[in-house]
């Protein structure tokens, strides 16, 4: 039986470009409004489970807050934001540890920008791969 929704997780961190966060979510929202079947269910997740402060110094909140460690093990798609803050996120052992679990179970992993490929703990060779 096909899944009722395509669960998409957007992994974000402080100092990420705001467009890397809002553009994918806006595009998936538009797809749902125009009848995507099955629809997309987008969630924003961070290492702390709190919102992030973008590189534009605009805070982006998370409804109830979701830690990367609590993301279901098999999301349909995991998107990793890139940009200015990716270097700090890539050396944060806790962030990398938390994003590895959904990376291994996701059907698809995608960087949002080329820097997202560097931030993705599986590296650019895995980024964008499909199962």
Foldseek 3Di string as FASTA:
>chain_A
DDDLEQEEEEEDAAAFAPCLPPVVVVVLVVCVVVPDVSHYDYAYEYQVQFWYQYNVRDTDGGDRGHHLQRPPQEGQEYEYEFPDCLVVLQPPVSNQVSPVRNLVRYQAYAYSDPRRQVSNNVHVVRHGDGD
